[in-house]
Protein backbone atom coordinates (compact mmCIF):
# COMPACT_ATOMS: atom_id res chain seq x y z
CA MET A 1 -68.60 14.23 -17.49
CA THR A 2 -68.89 14.36 -21.27
CA LYS A 3 -66.32 15.94 -23.53
CA PRO A 4 -67.31 19.36 -24.93
CA LEU A 5 -68.01 19.90 -28.60
CA LEU A 6 -64.88 21.16 -30.32
CA ARG A 7 -64.77 24.80 -31.35
CA ASP A 8 -61.99 25.99 -33.59
CA GLU A 9 -61.25 28.93 -31.33
CA GLU A 10 -58.01 29.45 -29.43
CA ILE A 11 -57.82 30.83 -25.92
CA HIS A 12 -54.87 33.21 -25.79
CA LEU A 13 -53.10 32.85 -22.48
CA ASP A 14 -51.57 35.64 -20.48
CA LYS A 15 -47.80 35.19 -20.85
CA TYR A 16 -47.32 36.54 -17.32
CA ARG A 17 -49.58 34.00 -15.63
CA TYR A 18 -49.02 30.32 -15.06
CA ILE A 19 -51.16 27.23 -14.87
CA LEU A 20 -50.41 24.75 -12.12
CA SER A 21 -51.89 21.37 -11.33
CA ARG A 22 -51.03 18.40 -9.19
CA THR A 23 -52.12 14.80 -9.67
CA ASP A 24 -51.85 11.59 -7.76
CA THR A 25 -49.72 8.77 -9.18
CA ARG A 26 -52.60 7.63 -11.40
CA GLY A 27 -53.04 11.06 -13.01
CA ASN A 28 -56.13 12.17 -11.07
CA ILE A 29 -56.19 15.89 -10.29
CA THR A 30 -55.57 16.77 -6.65
CA PHE A 31 -55.00 20.52 -7.10
CA ALA A 32 -55.64 23.13 -9.79
CA ASN A 33 -54.72 26.79 -9.39
CA ASP A 34 -57.20 29.57 -10.12
CA TYR A 35 -55.81 30.32 -13.59
CA PHE A 36 -56.16 26.64 -14.55
CA CYS A 37 -59.85 26.81 -13.58
CA GLU A 38 -60.32 30.15 -15.34
CA ILE A 39 -58.81 28.93 -18.62
CA THR A 40 -60.43 25.49 -18.67
CA GLY A 41 -63.82 26.73 -17.50
CA TYR A 42 -64.06 23.99 -14.87
CA SER A 43 -64.55 24.73 -11.20
CA THR A 44 -62.16 23.25 -8.67
CA ALA A 45 -64.93 20.89 -7.55
CA GLU A 46 -65.36 19.65 -11.14
CA LEU A 47 -61.63 18.96 -11.47
CA ILE A 48 -60.55 17.40 -8.17
CA GLY A 49 -60.48 13.62 -8.41
CA LYS A 50 -60.94 13.61 -12.19
CA PRO A 51 -58.32 12.23 -14.58
CA HIS A 52 -56.10 14.96 -15.99
CA ASN A 53 -56.88 13.70 -19.49
CA LEU A 54 -60.25 15.44 -19.03
CA ILE A 55 -58.61 18.40 -20.79
CA ARG A 56 -56.77 16.37 -23.45
CA HIS A 57 -57.47 17.74 -26.91
CA PRO A 58 -58.12 15.10 -29.58
CA ASP A 59 -55.41 16.73 -31.76
CA MET A 60 -52.80 15.47 -29.29
CA PRO A 61 -51.05 12.26 -30.37
CA LYS A 62 -51.21 9.60 -27.65
CA VAL A 63 -47.51 8.84 -28.11
CA ILE A 64 -46.65 12.16 -26.44
CA PHE A 65 -48.46 11.08 -23.28
CA LYS A 66 -46.96 7.59 -23.51
CA THR A 67 -43.53 9.25 -23.64
CA MET A 68 -44.44 11.45 -20.67
CA TRP A 69 -45.67 8.55 -18.51
CA HIS A 70 -42.67 6.42 -19.43
CA ARG A 71 -40.35 9.22 -18.34
CA LEU A 72 -42.21 9.87 -15.10
CA LYS A 73 -42.17 6.16 -14.23
CA GLU A 74 -38.37 6.32 -14.67
CA GLU A 75 -38.51 9.16 -12.10
CA LYS A 76 -37.39 11.75 -14.64
CA SER A 77 -39.04 15.07 -15.39
CA ILE A 78 -40.15 15.93 -18.92
CA THR A 79 -41.12 19.03 -20.85
CA ALA A 80 -43.80 18.92 -23.53
CA VAL A 81 -45.85 21.24 -25.69
CA VAL A 82 -49.51 20.39 -25.23
CA LYS A 83 -52.77 21.44 -26.85
CA ASN A 84 -55.49 21.31 -24.20
CA LEU A 85 -59.26 21.42 -24.39
CA ALA A 86 -61.41 23.80 -22.33
CA LYS A 87 -64.87 22.87 -21.08
CA ASP A 88 -66.54 25.04 -23.73
CA GLY A 89 -64.67 23.32 -26.59
CA ARG A 90 -62.04 25.99 -27.18
CA TYR A 91 -58.35 25.10 -27.01
CA TYR A 92 -55.08 26.52 -25.71
CA TRP A 93 -51.40 25.67 -26.15
CA VAL A 94 -48.96 25.40 -23.25
CA THR A 95 -45.36 24.53 -22.64
CA THR A 96 -45.47 22.18 -19.69
CA LYS A 97 -42.91 20.77 -17.30
CA PHE A 98 -43.99 17.57 -15.56
CA GLU A 99 -42.15 16.58 -12.39
CA MET A 100 -42.48 14.11 -9.54
CA GLU A 101 -43.60 15.13 -6.07
CA ARG A 102 -42.04 13.09 -3.30
CA ASP A 103 -43.09 12.49 0.25
CA PRO A 104 -40.59 14.47 2.34
CA VAL A 105 -40.07 11.60 4.79
CA SER A 106 -40.25 8.40 2.74
CA LYS A 107 -39.02 10.01 -0.51
CA GLN A 108 -41.63 7.90 -2.34
CA ILE A 109 -43.41 9.53 -5.28
CA ARG A 110 -46.79 10.73 -4.05
CA GLY A 111 -47.86 12.42 -7.26
CA TYR A 112 -46.91 14.75 -10.07
CA ILE A 113 -46.88 18.49 -10.54
CA SER A 114 -47.23 20.32 -13.84
CA TYR A 115 -46.15 23.90 -14.43
CA ARG A 116 -47.47 25.50 -17.60
CA GLN A 117 -46.95 28.72 -19.46
CA ALA A 118 -48.29 30.01 -22.75
CA ALA A 119 -46.55 28.36 -25.69
CA LYS A 120 -44.95 30.74 -28.17
CA HIS A 121 -46.55 31.08 -31.61
CA SER A 122 -43.34 29.84 -33.28
CA THR A 123 -43.36 26.77 -31.00
CA VAL A 124 -46.99 25.95 -31.81
CA LYS A 125 -46.34 26.24 -35.54
CA LEU A 126 -43.45 23.76 -35.43
CA ILE A 127 -44.95 21.28 -33.00
CA SER A 128 -48.44 21.24 -34.52
CA GLU A 129 -46.95 20.09 -37.85
CA LEU A 130 -45.23 17.18 -36.11
CA TYR A 131 -48.33 16.35 -34.05
CA ALA A 132 -50.51 16.25 -37.18
CA ARG A 133 -48.15 13.69 -38.73
CA LEU A 134 -48.03 11.62 -35.53
CA LEU A 135 -51.81 11.71 -35.19
CA ALA A 136 -52.26 10.60 -38.82
CA ALA A 137 -49.87 7.69 -38.21
CA GLU A 138 -51.76 6.81 -35.03
CA GLN A 139 -55.12 6.83 -36.81
CA GLU A 140 -53.74 4.67 -39.60
CA GLY A 141 -51.58 2.20 -37.66
CA GLY A 142 -52.17 2.78 -33.95
CA MET A 143 -49.84 3.92 -31.22
CA GLU A 144 -47.02 1.71 -32.50
CA ALA A 145 -47.02 3.47 -35.88
CA SER A 146 -47.05 6.87 -34.22
CA GLU A 147 -44.20 5.91 -31.91
CA LYS A 148 -42.19 4.57 -34.84
CA MET A 149 -42.75 7.83 -36.72
CA LEU A 150 -41.66 9.89 -33.70
CA HIS A 151 -38.43 7.89 -33.36
CA ALA A 152 -37.74 8.17 -37.10
CA PHE A 153 -38.41 11.92 -36.98
CA LEU A 154 -36.00 12.44 -34.07
CA GLU A 155 -33.41 10.24 -35.73
CA SER A 156 -33.69 12.28 -38.95
CA LYS A 157 -32.99 15.40 -36.88
CA LYS A 158 -30.07 13.63 -35.18
CA THR A 159 -31.48 14.42 -31.77
CA ASP A 160 -33.54 13.00 -28.93
CA TYR A 161 -36.91 14.10 -27.55
CA ASP A 162 -35.50 16.40 -24.86
CA HIS A 163 -33.13 18.27 -27.15
CA TYR A 164 -35.79 18.61 -29.85
CA ILE A 165 -38.29 20.09 -27.36
CA ASP A 166 -35.60 22.40 -25.95
CA ASP A 167 -34.94 23.70 -29.47
CA VAL A 168 -38.63 24.05 -30.32
CA ILE A 169 -39.50 25.93 -27.13
CA GLU A 170 -36.34 27.98 -27.42
CA ASN A 171 -35.32 26.82 -23.96
CA ASN A 172 -33.43 29.89 -22.89
CA VAL A 173 -32.66 31.65 -19.64
CA SER A 174 -36.20 33.03 -19.27
CA THR A 175 -37.83 29.62 -19.85
CA GLN A 176 -35.43 27.94 -17.46
CA GLY A 177 -36.01 30.73 -14.95
CA PHE A 178 -39.78 30.26 -15.15
CA PHE A 179 -39.62 26.51 -14.43
CA SER A 180 -37.00 26.99 -11.73
CA SER A 181 -39.15 29.64 -10.02
CA MET A 182 -42.20 27.42 -10.17
CA ARG A 183 -40.27 24.52 -8.66
CA LYS A 184 -39.08 26.71 -5.77
CA MET A 185 -42.55 28.14 -5.13
CA PHE A 186 -44.48 24.88 -5.20
CA SER A 187 -42.21 22.09 -4.02
């Protein structure tokens, strides 16, 4: 499957609907809810078994996904703001919570689940400025340069990744309630 041509057109998500997907431990999609398919323009058949990075927008710095995978391998959840790419080349921004899914008997990780909601305009404005800087560092000096810039940025803010993201997404009672509800519904 080839990547679509980029179109500088944003898909505005319904703030009352959610996007849900599940992957295996290697990041291949095992489930996508109807809204995920509707927004991305892919059918369920086109998504199942494909790597989740199928919808990765090229504006996303790789260090964000490196951070995500590092955290998941430590068996810790992570929240991120992500710009995704639809099949037709348009894009959309989401606030995403990535968590492990465990086998109920063995307790071994059998995959990952991602709950997504529309990212707020204020969140996108802040995070897109950081992502542009990280992407420029990545293009100039590779992932190592981007990672170094991310650490320096967080250090300059006297914070860590989790607290920075919580501030940017305005992690409040409604955001926490959304992710908590999703966890209860789909775990």
